[in-house]
Amino acid sequence: MSGNEDTRQNSGALTEGQAARMLAGMNEVIRAGEEMRKLRAEMIQLFAGFGWTQDKIAALADMSQPAVSKQMAKSRPDDRLPPPMELHLDQRDSAWLEGRLWGLAEEVSETLDDSAHCTRYVNALARGKKRFTPQNVDELRRLVEEDLRRHQAELPGGHRHAYDQISRHLDVPTKAGATAGSASVRRALAHEIQRDRLRGEA
């Protein structure tokens, strides 16, 4: 620690390093909140594309119907609904595969009562402290694979099968055509569908 930082700390003032860490943490929360609001807006459009009424969406989202209507008008000023998305599990674009991996990691973590190696990473992703960069996806894969190897007897076989599928497709990316929905929407959907599939197979 420099002499200036030592003096500020002893006098009760924050150091620049402390202030930077505090502001960085706040920025993470703000960014995560903004990203979540954007994701919710996109999901509202998706549900409308499935033919759900604004009243139904409002009830599910815990919003008022006028708030849903305003959100939809702001998101699609040309008044056109997005085409319905395919929701089958076997899709090969990277965002979909990342969502499947995320869902699998959460199931592994919960099955092992949060003692899994991947638990901290899963929590960081859920809170927006980690993003889906190639490096972070690789690290999550490594942690999930380690949990599957160490806890083979405690985890259902479907977990290993899902991991093998996801990992194989991530290793050999396919040239996917145009996919409906943003990357964040596709991750969120794949995450939920993967978790439901694993629970159904348990």
N, C-alpha and C. Protein backbone atom coordinates (compact mmCIF):
# COMPACT_ATOMS: atom_id res chain seq x y z
N MET A 1 0.85 -1.19 0.00
CA MET A 1 0.00 0.00 0.00
C MET A 1 0.89 1.23 0.00
N SER A 2 0.52 2.25 -0.81
CA SER A 2 1.33 3.46 -0.88
C SER A 2 1.13 4.29 0.37
N GLY A 3 2.05 5.28 0.58
CA GLY A 3 1.94 6.14 1.75
C GLY A 3 0.66 6.93 1.74
N ASN A 4 0.23 7.39 0.55
CA ASN A 4 -1.01 8.18 0.48
C ASN A 4 -2.22 7.34 0.86
N GLU A 5 -2.28 6.08 0.33
CA GLU A 5 -3.40 5.20 0.66
C GLU A 5 -3.42 4.88 2.14
N ASP A 6 -2.20 4.65 2.74
CA ASP A 6 -2.11 4.34 4.15
C ASP A 6 -2.62 5.51 4.98
N THR A 7 -2.26 6.74 4.59
CA THR A 7 -2.71 7.92 5.32
C THR A 7 -4.21 8.07 5.25
N ARG A 8 -4.78 7.88 4.04
CA ARG A 8 -6.24 8.02 3.90
C ARG A 8 -6.96 6.97 4.71
N GLN A 9 -6.43 5.73 4.73
CA GLN A 9 -7.09 4.66 5.47
C GLN A 9 -7.05 4.94 6.96
N ASN A 10 -5.90 5.40 7.46
CA ASN A 10 -5.78 5.68 8.88
C ASN A 10 -6.62 6.87 9.30
N SER A 11 -6.89 7.79 8.38
CA SER A 11 -7.68 8.96 8.72
C SER A 11 -9.18 8.69 8.58
N GLY A 12 -9.55 7.49 8.17
CA GLY A 12 -10.96 7.14 8.05
C GLY A 12 -11.53 7.37 6.67
N ALA A 13 -10.72 7.83 5.70
CA ALA A 13 -11.21 8.06 4.35
C ALA A 13 -11.03 6.80 3.50
N LEU A 14 -11.81 6.71 2.43
CA LEU A 14 -11.67 5.58 1.51
C LEU A 14 -10.45 5.77 0.63
N THR A 15 -9.82 4.65 0.29
CA THR A 15 -8.76 4.70 -0.71
C THR A 15 -9.41 4.64 -2.10
N GLU A 16 -8.65 4.99 -3.09
CA GLU A 16 -9.16 4.90 -4.46
C GLU A 16 -9.51 3.46 -4.82
N GLY A 17 -8.70 2.52 -4.33
CA GLY A 17 -8.97 1.11 -4.61
C GLY A 17 -10.29 0.67 -3.99
N GLN A 18 -10.56 1.08 -2.75
CA GLN A 18 -11.82 0.72 -2.10
C GLN A 18 -13.01 1.33 -2.85
N ALA A 19 -12.87 2.61 -3.21
CA ALA A 19 -13.96 3.27 -3.93
C ALA A 19 -14.21 2.59 -5.27
N ALA A 20 -13.13 2.22 -5.98
CA ALA A 20 -13.28 1.56 -7.28
C ALA A 20 -14.00 0.24 -7.14
N ARG A 21 -13.66 -0.54 -6.10
CA ARG A 21 -14.33 -1.84 -5.89
C ARG A 21 -15.81 -1.65 -5.58
N MET A 22 -16.12 -0.66 -4.74
CA MET A 22 -17.52 -0.41 -4.39
C MET A 22 -18.33 -0.01 -5.62
N LEU A 23 -17.78 0.91 -6.42
CA LEU A 23 -18.49 1.37 -7.61
C LEU A 23 -18.61 0.27 -8.64
N ALA A 24 -17.58 -0.58 -8.75
CA ALA A 24 -17.65 -1.71 -9.69
C ALA A 24 -18.78 -2.65 -9.30
N GLY A 25 -18.92 -2.91 -8.00
CA GLY A 25 -20.01 -3.77 -7.54
C GLY A 25 -21.37 -3.17 -7.83
N MET A 26 -21.49 -1.86 -7.63
CA MET A 26 -22.76 -1.18 -7.93
C MET A 26 -23.06 -1.23 -9.42
N ASN A 27 -22.02 -1.02 -10.23
CA ASN A 27 -22.21 -1.06 -11.68
C ASN A 27 -22.69 -2.43 -12.14
N GLU A 28 -22.20 -3.50 -11.50
CA GLU A 28 -22.65 -4.85 -11.85
C GLU A 28 -24.13 -5.00 -11.58
N VAL A 29 -24.58 -4.50 -10.42
CA VAL A 29 -26.01 -4.61 -10.07
C VAL A 29 -26.87 -3.81 -11.03
N ILE A 30 -26.42 -2.59 -11.35
CA ILE A 30 -27.18 -1.74 -12.28
C ILE A 30 -27.24 -2.38 -13.65
N ARG A 31 -26.10 -2.88 -14.14
CA ARG A 31 -26.07 -3.50 -15.46
C ARG A 31 -26.98 -4.74 -15.50
N ALA A 32 -26.91 -5.54 -14.43
CA ALA A 32 -27.75 -6.74 -14.38
C ALA A 32 -29.23 -6.36 -14.40
N GLY A 33 -29.58 -5.28 -13.67
CA GLY A 33 -30.97 -4.83 -13.65
C GLY A 33 -31.43 -4.36 -15.02
N GLU A 34 -30.58 -3.61 -15.71
CA GLU A 34 -30.93 -3.13 -17.04
C GLU A 34 -31.08 -4.29 -18.02
N GLU A 35 -30.17 -5.26 -17.92
CA GLU A 35 -30.25 -6.41 -18.81
C GLU A 35 -31.50 -7.24 -18.53
N MET A 36 -31.86 -7.35 -17.25
CA MET A 36 -33.05 -8.12 -16.90
C MET A 36 -34.32 -7.43 -17.39
N ARG A 37 -34.36 -6.10 -17.31
CA ARG A 37 -35.53 -5.38 -17.82
C ARG A 37 -35.67 -5.57 -19.33
N LYS A 38 -34.52 -5.52 -20.02
CA LYS A 38 -34.55 -5.74 -21.47
C LYS A 38 -35.00 -7.16 -21.80
N LEU A 39 -34.51 -8.14 -21.03
CA LEU A 39 -34.90 -9.53 -21.26
C LEU A 39 -36.39 -9.71 -21.02
N ARG A 40 -36.92 -9.10 -19.95
CA ARG A 40 -38.35 -9.22 -19.68
C ARG A 40 -39.17 -8.63 -20.82
N ALA A 41 -38.73 -7.50 -21.36
CA ALA A 41 -39.45 -6.89 -22.48
C ALA A 41 -39.46 -7.81 -23.69
N GLU A 42 -38.34 -8.46 -23.96
CA GLU A 42 -38.28 -9.39 -25.09
C GLU A 42 -39.14 -10.62 -24.84
N MET A 43 -39.17 -11.09 -23.59
CA MET A 43 -40.00 -12.25 -23.29
C MET A 43 -41.48 -11.92 -23.44
N ILE A 44 -41.87 -10.70 -23.10
CA ILE A 44 -43.27 -10.28 -23.28
C ILE A 44 -43.64 -10.37 -24.75
N GLN A 45 -42.72 -9.90 -25.63
CA GLN A 45 -42.97 -10.00 -27.06
C GLN A 45 -43.09 -11.46 -27.50
N LEU A 46 -42.23 -12.30 -26.94
CA LEU A 46 -42.26 -13.73 -27.29
C LEU A 46 -43.60 -14.35 -26.91
N PHE A 47 -44.06 -14.08 -25.70
CA PHE A 47 -45.33 -14.65 -25.24
C PHE A 47 -46.50 -14.14 -26.09
N ALA A 48 -46.43 -12.87 -26.49
CA ALA A 48 -47.48 -12.35 -27.38
C ALA A 48 -47.45 -13.08 -28.71
N GLY A 49 -46.24 -13.41 -29.18
CA GLY A 49 -46.12 -14.15 -30.43
C GLY A 49 -46.71 -15.55 -30.35
N PHE A 50 -46.78 -16.10 -29.13
CA PHE A 50 -47.42 -17.40 -28.93
C PHE A 50 -48.94 -17.29 -28.88
N GLY A 51 -49.43 -16.04 -28.93
CA GLY A 51 -50.88 -15.83 -28.92
C GLY A 51 -51.47 -15.59 -27.55
N TRP A 52 -50.64 -15.40 -26.54
CA TRP A 52 -51.14 -15.14 -25.20
C TRP A 52 -51.68 -13.72 -25.12
N THR A 53 -52.76 -13.52 -24.38
CA THR A 53 -53.36 -12.20 -24.24
C THR A 53 -52.52 -11.32 -23.31
N GLN A 54 -52.73 -10.02 -23.44
CA GLN A 54 -52.03 -9.10 -22.55
C GLN A 54 -52.42 -9.33 -21.09
N ASP A 55 -53.66 -9.69 -20.85
CA ASP A 55 -54.09 -9.97 -19.47
C ASP A 55 -53.34 -11.17 -18.90
N LYS A 56 -53.19 -12.21 -19.71
CA LYS A 56 -52.47 -13.41 -19.26
C LYS A 56 -50.99 -13.08 -18.99
N ILE A 57 -50.37 -12.33 -19.91
CA ILE A 57 -48.96 -11.96 -19.73
C ILE A 57 -48.80 -11.09 -18.48
N ALA A 58 -49.73 -10.16 -18.28
CA ALA A 58 -49.66 -9.28 -17.11
C ALA A 58 -49.72 -10.08 -15.82
N ALA A 59 -50.60 -11.09 -15.77
CA ALA A 59 -50.71 -11.92 -14.57
C ALA A 59 -49.43 -12.71 -14.32
N LEU A 60 -48.86 -13.26 -15.39
CA LEU A 60 -47.64 -14.05 -15.25
C LEU A 60 -46.45 -13.18 -14.86
N ALA A 61 -46.39 -11.95 -15.38
CA ALA A 61 -45.26 -11.07 -15.13
C ALA A 61 -45.45 -10.20 -13.89
N ASP A 62 -46.62 -10.33 -13.24
CA ASP A 62 -46.94 -9.50 -12.08
C ASP A 62 -46.87 -8.02 -12.46
N MET A 63 -47.46 -7.71 -13.59
CA MET A 63 -47.55 -6.34 -14.08
C MET A 63 -49.01 -6.01 -14.34
N SER A 64 -49.30 -4.72 -14.49
CA SER A 64 -50.65 -4.32 -14.89
C SER A 64 -50.80 -4.50 -16.40
N GLN A 65 -52.05 -4.69 -16.84
CA GLN A 65 -52.27 -4.84 -18.28
C GLN A 65 -51.84 -3.59 -19.05
N PRO A 66 -52.12 -2.37 -18.55
CA PRO A 66 -51.63 -1.18 -19.27
C PRO A 66 -50.11 -1.14 -19.37
N ALA A 67 -49.41 -1.62 -18.32
CA ALA A 67 -47.94 -1.63 -18.37
C ALA A 67 -47.45 -2.60 -19.44
N VAL A 68 -48.10 -3.74 -19.57
CA VAL A 68 -47.73 -4.70 -20.62
C VAL A 68 -48.01 -4.09 -21.99
N SER A 69 -49.16 -3.45 -22.14
CA SER A 69 -49.52 -2.83 -23.41
C SER A 69 -48.51 -1.76 -23.80
N LYS A 70 -48.11 -0.94 -22.82
CA LYS A 70 -47.12 0.11 -23.08
C LYS A 70 -45.78 -0.50 -23.48
N GLN A 71 -45.40 -1.59 -22.78
CA GLN A 71 -44.13 -2.25 -23.09
C GLN A 71 -44.14 -2.81 -24.51
N MET A 72 -45.25 -3.40 -24.89
CA MET A 72 -45.35 -3.97 -26.23
C MET A 72 -45.32 -2.89 -27.30
N ALA A 73 -46.00 -1.78 -27.05
CA ALA A 73 -46.03 -0.69 -28.03
C ALA A 73 -44.65 -0.08 -28.19
N LYS A 74 -43.91 0.01 -27.09
CA LYS A 74 -42.57 0.59 -27.15
C LYS A 74 -41.60 -0.34 -27.86
N SER A 75 -41.77 -1.65 -27.67
CA SER A 75 -40.83 -2.62 -28.23
C SER A 75 -41.09 -2.91 -29.70
N ARG A 76 -42.33 -2.76 -30.15
CA ARG A 76 -42.65 -3.03 -31.56
C ARG A 76 -43.56 -1.93 -32.10
N PRO A 77 -42.99 -0.79 -32.40
CA PRO A 77 -43.78 0.34 -32.87
C PRO A 77 -44.51 0.07 -34.18
N ASP A 78 -44.03 -0.91 -34.97
CA ASP A 78 -44.71 -1.21 -36.24
C ASP A 78 -45.89 -2.16 -36.05
N ASP A 79 -46.16 -2.54 -34.77
CA ASP A 79 -47.33 -3.35 -34.42
C ASP A 79 -47.27 -4.77 -34.98
N ARG A 80 -46.06 -5.25 -35.29
CA ARG A 80 -45.93 -6.63 -35.79
C ARG A 80 -45.38 -7.52 -34.69
N LEU A 81 -46.01 -8.66 -34.48
CA LEU A 81 -45.53 -9.62 -33.49
C LEU A 81 -44.39 -10.44 -34.08
N PRO A 82 -43.43 -10.84 -33.24
CA PRO A 82 -42.36 -11.70 -33.75
C PRO A 82 -42.91 -13.09 -34.08
N PRO A 83 -42.29 -13.79 -35.03
CA PRO A 83 -42.76 -15.15 -35.32
C PRO A 83 -42.52 -16.07 -34.13
N PRO A 84 -43.38 -17.07 -33.95
CA PRO A 84 -43.18 -18.01 -32.83
C PRO A 84 -41.83 -18.72 -32.94
N MET A 85 -41.19 -18.93 -31.80
CA MET A 85 -39.89 -19.60 -31.79
C MET A 85 -40.06 -21.10 -31.66
N GLU A 86 -39.09 -21.83 -32.21
CA GLU A 86 -39.05 -23.27 -32.00
C GLU A 86 -38.51 -23.52 -30.59
N LEU A 87 -39.15 -24.44 -29.88
CA LEU A 87 -38.75 -24.68 -28.49
C LEU A 87 -38.23 -26.10 -28.26
N HIS A 88 -37.87 -26.83 -29.32
CA HIS A 88 -37.31 -28.15 -29.10
C HIS A 88 -35.88 -28.02 -28.58
N LEU A 89 -35.47 -28.98 -27.77
CA LEU A 89 -34.20 -28.87 -27.05
C LEU A 89 -32.99 -28.94 -27.96
N ASP A 90 -33.07 -29.70 -29.04
CA ASP A 90 -31.90 -29.96 -29.89
C ASP A 90 -31.73 -28.87 -30.93
N GLN A 91 -31.25 -27.71 -30.48
CA GLN A 91 -30.88 -26.62 -31.38
C GLN A 91 -29.39 -26.36 -31.18
N ARG A 92 -28.71 -25.88 -32.23
CA ARG A 92 -27.26 -25.92 -32.21
C ARG A 92 -26.56 -24.57 -32.13
N ASP A 93 -27.31 -23.46 -32.07
CA ASP A 93 -26.62 -22.17 -31.99
C ASP A 93 -26.01 -22.01 -30.60
N SER A 94 -24.97 -21.20 -30.50
CA SER A 94 -24.19 -21.12 -29.26
C SER A 94 -25.02 -20.62 -28.08
N ALA A 95 -25.89 -19.62 -28.31
CA ALA A 95 -26.69 -19.09 -27.19
C ALA A 95 -27.59 -20.18 -26.61
N TRP A 96 -28.19 -20.99 -27.47
CA TRP A 96 -29.06 -22.08 -27.01
C TRP A 96 -28.27 -23.10 -26.21
N LEU A 97 -27.10 -23.45 -26.70
CA LEU A 97 -26.25 -24.43 -26.01
C LEU A 97 -25.76 -23.88 -24.67
N GLU A 98 -25.43 -22.59 -24.64
CA GLU A 98 -25.01 -21.97 -23.38
C GLU A 98 -26.14 -21.98 -22.36
N GLY A 99 -27.37 -21.75 -22.82
CA GLY A 99 -28.52 -21.81 -21.92
C GLY A 99 -28.73 -23.21 -21.38
N ARG A 100 -28.56 -24.22 -22.23
CA ARG A 100 -28.67 -25.61 -21.78
C ARG A 100 -27.61 -25.92 -20.73
N LEU A 101 -26.38 -25.48 -20.98
CA LEU A 101 -25.30 -25.71 -20.02
C LEU A 101 -25.60 -25.04 -18.69
N TRP A 102 -26.09 -23.84 -18.73
CA TRP A 102 -26.47 -23.09 -17.53
C TRP A 102 -27.55 -23.84 -16.75
N GLY A 103 -28.59 -24.31 -17.46
CA GLY A 103 -29.65 -25.06 -16.80
C GLY A 103 -29.14 -26.35 -16.17
N LEU A 104 -28.28 -27.05 -16.89
CA LEU A 104 -27.68 -28.27 -16.37
C LEU A 104 -26.86 -27.97 -15.11
N ALA A 105 -26.06 -26.91 -15.15
CA ALA A 105 -25.23 -26.55 -14.01
C ALA A 105 -26.08 -26.24 -12.79
N GLU A 106 -27.21 -25.57 -12.97
CA GLU A 106 -28.09 -25.27 -11.84
C GLU A 106 -28.67 -26.55 -11.25
N GLU A 107 -29.05 -27.48 -12.12
CA GLU A 107 -29.59 -28.75 -11.63
C GLU A 107 -28.53 -29.54 -10.87
N VAL A 108 -27.30 -29.55 -11.36
CA VAL A 108 -26.21 -30.23 -10.66
C VAL A 108 -26.01 -29.59 -9.29
N SER A 109 -25.98 -28.26 -9.26
CA SER A 109 -25.77 -27.54 -8.01
C SER A 109 -26.86 -27.86 -6.99
N GLU A 110 -28.11 -27.82 -7.43
CA GLU A 110 -29.22 -28.07 -6.50
C GLU A 110 -29.25 -29.53 -6.05
N THR A 111 -28.96 -30.44 -6.96
CA THR A 111 -28.96 -31.86 -6.60
C THR A 111 -27.91 -32.16 -5.53
N LEU A 112 -26.79 -31.46 -5.62
CA LEU A 112 -25.69 -31.67 -4.66
C LEU A 112 -25.77 -30.69 -3.49
N ASP A 113 -26.95 -30.11 -3.28
CA ASP A 113 -27.18 -29.20 -2.13
C ASP A 113 -26.15 -28.06 -2.10
N ASP A 114 -25.91 -27.48 -3.26
CA ASP A 114 -25.02 -26.31 -3.39
C ASP A 114 -23.57 -26.60 -3.02
N SER A 115 -23.18 -27.87 -2.91
CA SER A 115 -21.78 -28.20 -2.62
C SER A 115 -20.99 -28.45 -3.89
N ALA A 116 -21.62 -28.31 -5.04
CA ALA A 116 -20.97 -28.57 -6.32
C ALA A 116 -19.90 -27.52 -6.61
N HIS A 117 -18.91 -27.91 -7.38
CA HIS A 117 -17.86 -26.98 -7.78
C HIS A 117 -18.42 -25.83 -8.62
N CYS A 118 -19.51 -26.10 -9.35
CA CYS A 118 -20.05 -25.09 -10.24
C CYS A 118 -20.99 -24.11 -9.56
N THR A 119 -21.28 -24.30 -8.27
CA THR A 119 -22.30 -23.50 -7.60
C THR A 119 -21.99 -22.01 -7.62
N ARG A 120 -20.77 -21.64 -7.28
CA ARG A 120 -20.44 -20.22 -7.24
C ARG A 120 -20.56 -19.59 -8.62
N TYR A 121 -20.18 -20.32 -9.64
CA TYR A 121 -20.27 -19.80 -11.01
C TYR A 121 -21.73 -19.63 -11.41
N VAL A 122 -22.55 -20.61 -11.05
CA VAL A 122 -23.98 -20.55 -11.36
C VAL A 122 -24.61 -19.33 -10.69
N ASN A 123 -24.28 -19.11 -9.43
CA ASN A 123 -24.82 -17.96 -8.71
C ASN A 123 -24.36 -16.64 -9.32
N ALA A 124 -23.11 -16.60 -9.76
CA ALA A 124 -22.58 -15.38 -10.38
C ALA A 124 -23.29 -15.09 -11.70
N LEU A 125 -23.60 -16.13 -12.47
CA LEU A 125 -24.34 -15.94 -13.72
C LEU A 125 -25.75 -15.44 -13.44
N ALA A 126 -26.40 -16.02 -12.42
CA ALA A 126 -27.77 -15.63 -12.10
C ALA A 126 -27.86 -14.18 -11.64
N ARG A 127 -26.80 -13.69 -10.99
CA ARG A 127 -26.81 -12.32 -10.47
C ARG A 127 -26.20 -11.31 -11.44
N GLY A 128 -25.78 -11.78 -12.60
CA GLY A 128 -25.20 -10.87 -13.57
C GLY A 128 -23.76 -10.51 -13.31
N LYS A 129 -23.11 -11.21 -12.38
CA LYS A 129 -21.71 -10.92 -12.08
C LYS A 129 -20.76 -11.60 -13.06
N LYS A 130 -21.27 -12.61 -13.73
CA LYS A 130 -20.52 -13.27 -14.81
C LYS A 130 -21.36 -13.17 -16.07
N ARG A 131 -20.69 -13.04 -17.19
CA ARG A 131 -21.38 -12.96 -18.46
C ARG A 131 -21.00 -14.17 -19.31
N PHE A 132 -21.76 -14.39 -20.37
CA PHE A 132 -21.54 -15.57 -21.20
C PHE A 132 -20.48 -15.30 -22.27
N THR A 133 -19.25 -15.08 -21.79
CA THR A 133 -18.11 -14.96 -22.70
C THR A 133 -17.60 -16.37 -23.01
N PRO A 134 -16.85 -16.54 -24.09
CA PRO A 134 -16.29 -17.87 -24.38
C PRO A 134 -15.45 -18.41 -23.22
N GLN A 135 -14.69 -17.53 -22.55
CA GLN A 135 -13.86 -17.98 -21.43
C GLN A 135 -14.71 -18.45 -20.26
N ASN A 136 -15.77 -17.72 -19.96
CA ASN A 136 -16.63 -18.12 -18.85
C ASN A 136 -17.41 -19.39 -19.14
N VAL A 137 -17.82 -19.55 -20.39
CA VAL A 137 -18.50 -20.80 -20.78
C VAL A 137 -17.56 -21.98 -20.65
N ASP A 138 -16.32 -21.81 -21.08
CA ASP A 138 -15.33 -22.88 -20.95
C ASP A 138 -15.10 -23.23 -19.48
N GLU A 139 -15.03 -22.23 -18.64
CA GLU A 139 -14.82 -22.48 -17.21
C GLU A 139 -16.02 -23.21 -16.60
N LEU A 140 -17.22 -22.81 -16.97
CA LEU A 140 -18.41 -23.49 -16.47
C LEU A 140 -18.44 -24.94 -16.94
N ARG A 141 -18.06 -25.18 -18.17
CA ARG A 141 -18.00 -26.55 -18.67
C ARG A 141 -17.02 -27.38 -17.82
N ARG A 142 -15.88 -26.81 -17.54
CA ARG A 142 -14.86 -27.53 -16.75
C ARG A 142 -15.40 -27.88 -15.36
N LEU A 143 -16.08 -26.94 -14.74
CA LEU A 143 -16.61 -27.17 -13.39
C LEU A 143 -17.72 -28.22 -13.39
N VAL A 144 -18.62 -28.13 -14.38
CA VAL A 144 -19.71 -29.11 -14.46
C VAL A 144 -19.14 -30.50 -14.72
N GLU A 145 -18.17 -30.59 -15.61
CA GLU A 145 -17.57 -31.90 -15.91
C GLU A 145 -16.90 -32.49 -14.66
N GLU A 146 -16.26 -31.64 -13.88
CA GLU A 146 -15.63 -32.12 -12.65
C GLU A 146 -16.68 -32.63 -11.66
N ASP A 147 -17.79 -31.91 -11.54
CA ASP A 147 -18.87 -32.36 -10.65
C ASP A 147 -19.46 -33.68 -11.12
N LEU A 148 -19.64 -33.83 -12.42
CA LEU A 148 -20.20 -35.07 -12.95
C LEU A 148 -19.25 -36.25 -12.71
N ARG A 149 -17.96 -35.99 -12.79
CA ARG A 149 -16.98 -37.06 -12.57
C ARG A 149 -16.91 -37.43 -11.10
N ARG A 150 -16.89 -36.44 -10.22
CA ARG A 150 -16.72 -36.71 -8.79
C ARG A 150 -17.98 -37.24 -8.12
N HIS A 151 -19.13 -36.89 -8.66
CA HIS A 151 -20.40 -37.24 -8.00
C HIS A 151 -21.28 -38.11 -8.91
N GLN A 152 -20.63 -38.98 -9.64
CA GLN A 152 -21.35 -39.81 -10.60
C GLN A 152 -22.46 -40.62 -9.94
N ALA A 153 -22.20 -41.13 -8.75
CA ALA A 153 -23.19 -41.98 -8.07
C ALA A 153 -24.38 -41.18 -7.56
N GLU A 154 -24.19 -39.88 -7.33
CA GLU A 154 -25.26 -39.06 -6.75
C GLU A 154 -26.13 -38.37 -7.79
N LEU A 155 -25.65 -38.31 -9.02
CA LEU A 155 -26.35 -37.57 -10.06
C LEU A 155 -27.02 -38.53 -11.04
N PRO A 156 -28.24 -38.22 -11.46
CA PRO A 156 -28.92 -39.07 -12.45
C PRO A 156 -28.12 -39.15 -13.75
N GLY A 157 -28.27 -40.25 -14.45
CA GLY A 157 -27.55 -40.44 -15.70
C GLY A 157 -27.90 -39.41 -16.75
N GLY A 158 -29.11 -38.85 -16.68
CA GLY A 158 -29.52 -37.84 -17.65
C GLY A 158 -28.64 -36.61 -17.63
N HIS A 159 -28.04 -36.33 -16.47
CA HIS A 159 -27.16 -35.17 -16.37
C HIS A 159 -25.92 -35.37 -17.25
N ARG A 160 -25.32 -36.53 -17.17
CA ARG A 160 -24.13 -36.83 -17.97
C ARG A 160 -24.48 -36.84 -19.45
N HIS A 161 -25.63 -37.43 -19.79
CA HIS A 161 -26.05 -37.49 -21.19
C HIS A 161 -26.24 -36.08 -21.74
N ALA A 162 -26.90 -35.21 -20.98
CA ALA A 162 -27.12 -33.83 -21.42
C ALA A 162 -25.80 -33.11 -21.59
N TYR A 163 -24.88 -33.31 -20.64
CA TYR A 163 -23.58 -32.63 -20.74
C TYR A 163 -22.83 -33.09 -21.98
N ASP A 164 -22.85 -34.38 -22.26
CA ASP A 164 -22.13 -34.90 -23.42
C ASP A 164 -22.68 -34.29 -24.72
N GLN A 165 -24.00 -34.16 -24.80
CA GLN A 165 -24.62 -33.56 -25.98
C GLN A 165 -24.21 -32.10 -26.14
N ILE A 166 -24.36 -31.36 -25.05
CA ILE A 166 -24.04 -29.92 -25.07
C ILE A 166 -22.58 -29.71 -25.42
N SER A 167 -21.71 -30.45 -24.76
CA SER A 167 -20.28 -30.28 -24.95
C SER A 167 -19.86 -30.62 -26.38
N ARG A 168 -20.42 -31.68 -26.91
CA ARG A 168 -20.08 -32.09 -28.28
C ARG A 168 -20.46 -31.00 -29.27
N HIS A 169 -21.63 -30.41 -29.11
CA HIS A 169 -22.07 -29.38 -30.06
C HIS A 169 -21.30 -28.07 -29.86
N LEU A 170 -20.90 -27.76 -28.63
CA LEU A 170 -20.09 -26.57 -28.40
C LEU A 170 -18.69 -26.73 -29.01
N ASP A 171 -18.19 -27.96 -28.99
CA ASP A 171 -16.86 -28.23 -29.55
C ASP A 171 -16.85 -28.15 -31.07
N VAL A 172 -17.96 -28.52 -31.68
CA VAL A 172 -18.05 -28.52 -33.14
C VAL A 172 -19.24 -27.66 -33.54
N PRO A 173 -19.05 -26.33 -33.51
CA PRO A 173 -20.18 -25.44 -33.81
C PRO A 173 -20.68 -25.64 -35.23
N THR A 174 -21.99 -25.57 -35.38
CA THR A 174 -22.58 -25.70 -36.70
C THR A 174 -22.92 -24.31 -37.22
N LYS A 175 -22.96 -24.19 -38.51
CA LYS A 175 -23.34 -22.91 -39.11
C LYS A 175 -24.87 -22.83 -39.11
N ALA A 176 -25.37 -22.26 -38.03
CA ALA A 176 -26.82 -22.16 -37.90
C ALA A 176 -27.34 -21.02 -38.75
N GLY A 177 -28.53 -21.21 -39.30
CA GLY A 177 -29.16 -20.13 -40.04
C GLY A 177 -29.70 -19.09 -39.07
N ALA A 178 -30.49 -18.19 -39.59
CA ALA A 178 -31.07 -17.15 -38.74
C ALA A 178 -31.95 -17.78 -37.67
N THR A 179 -31.76 -17.34 -36.43
CA THR A 179 -32.56 -17.87 -35.33
C THR A 179 -33.42 -16.76 -34.76
N ALA A 180 -34.62 -17.12 -34.34
CA ALA A 180 -35.54 -16.14 -33.77
C ALA A 180 -35.12 -15.83 -32.33
N GLY A 181 -35.26 -14.58 -31.95
CA GLY A 181 -34.96 -14.20 -30.58
C GLY A 181 -33.50 -13.81 -30.38
N SER A 182 -33.28 -12.91 -29.44
CA SER A 182 -31.92 -12.48 -29.12
C SER A 182 -31.19 -13.60 -28.38
N ALA A 183 -29.87 -13.44 -28.24
CA ALA A 183 -29.08 -14.44 -27.53
C ALA A 183 -29.56 -14.60 -26.09
N SER A 184 -29.89 -13.49 -25.42
CA SER A 184 -30.32 -13.58 -24.02
C SER A 184 -31.65 -14.31 -23.89
N VAL A 185 -32.56 -14.08 -24.83
CA VAL A 185 -33.85 -14.79 -24.81
C VAL A 185 -33.64 -16.28 -25.06
N ARG A 186 -32.79 -16.61 -26.02
CA ARG A 186 -32.57 -18.02 -26.35
C ARG A 186 -31.88 -18.73 -25.18
N ARG A 187 -30.95 -18.07 -24.51
CA ARG A 187 -30.32 -18.68 -23.33
C ARG A 187 -31.36 -18.94 -22.25
N ALA A 188 -32.21 -17.95 -22.00
CA ALA A 188 -33.21 -18.09 -20.94
C ALA A 188 -34.18 -19.23 -21.24
N LEU A 189 -34.61 -19.35 -22.48
CA LEU A 189 -35.54 -20.42 -22.85
C LEU A 189 -34.87 -21.79 -22.76
N ALA A 190 -33.67 -21.90 -23.30
CA ALA A 190 -32.96 -23.19 -23.26
C ALA A 190 -32.67 -23.59 -21.82
N HIS A 191 -32.33 -22.62 -21.00
CA HIS A 191 -32.08 -22.87 -19.58
C HIS A 191 -33.30 -23.50 -18.92
N GLU A 192 -34.46 -22.92 -19.16
CA GLU A 192 -35.69 -23.41 -18.53
C GLU A 192 -36.10 -24.76 -19.08
N ILE A 193 -36.02 -24.93 -20.40
CA ILE A 193 -36.43 -26.19 -21.02
C ILE A 193 -35.50 -27.32 -20.60
N GLN A 194 -34.18 -27.04 -20.52
CA GLN A 194 -33.23 -28.06 -20.08
C GLN A 194 -33.52 -28.50 -18.66
N ARG A 195 -33.80 -27.55 -17.78
CA ARG A 195 -34.10 -27.91 -16.39
C ARG A 195 -35.35 -28.75 -16.29
N ASP A 196 -36.39 -28.39 -17.05
CA ASP A 196 -37.63 -29.16 -17.04
C ASP A 196 -37.39 -30.57 -17.55
N ARG A 197 -36.57 -30.70 -18.60
CA ARG A 197 -36.27 -32.04 -19.14
C ARG A 197 -35.55 -32.89 -18.12
N LEU A 198 -34.57 -32.31 -17.43
CA LEU A 198 -33.81 -33.08 -16.44
C LEU A 198 -34.70 -33.48 -15.26
N ARG A 199 -35.58 -32.61 -14.85
CA ARG A 199 -36.48 -32.96 -13.74
C ARG A 199 -37.44 -34.06 -14.13
N GLY A 200 -37.87 -34.02 -15.40
CA GLY A 200 -38.77 -35.07 -15.88
C GLY A 200 -38.10 -36.43 -15.98
N GLU A 201 -36.77 -36.42 -16.17
CA GLU A 201 -36.04 -37.67 -16.31
C GLU A 201 -35.50 -38.19 -14.99
N ALA A 202 -35.60 -37.36 -13.93
CA ALA A 202 -35.03 -37.76 -12.64
C ALA A 202 -35.79 -38.93 -12.05
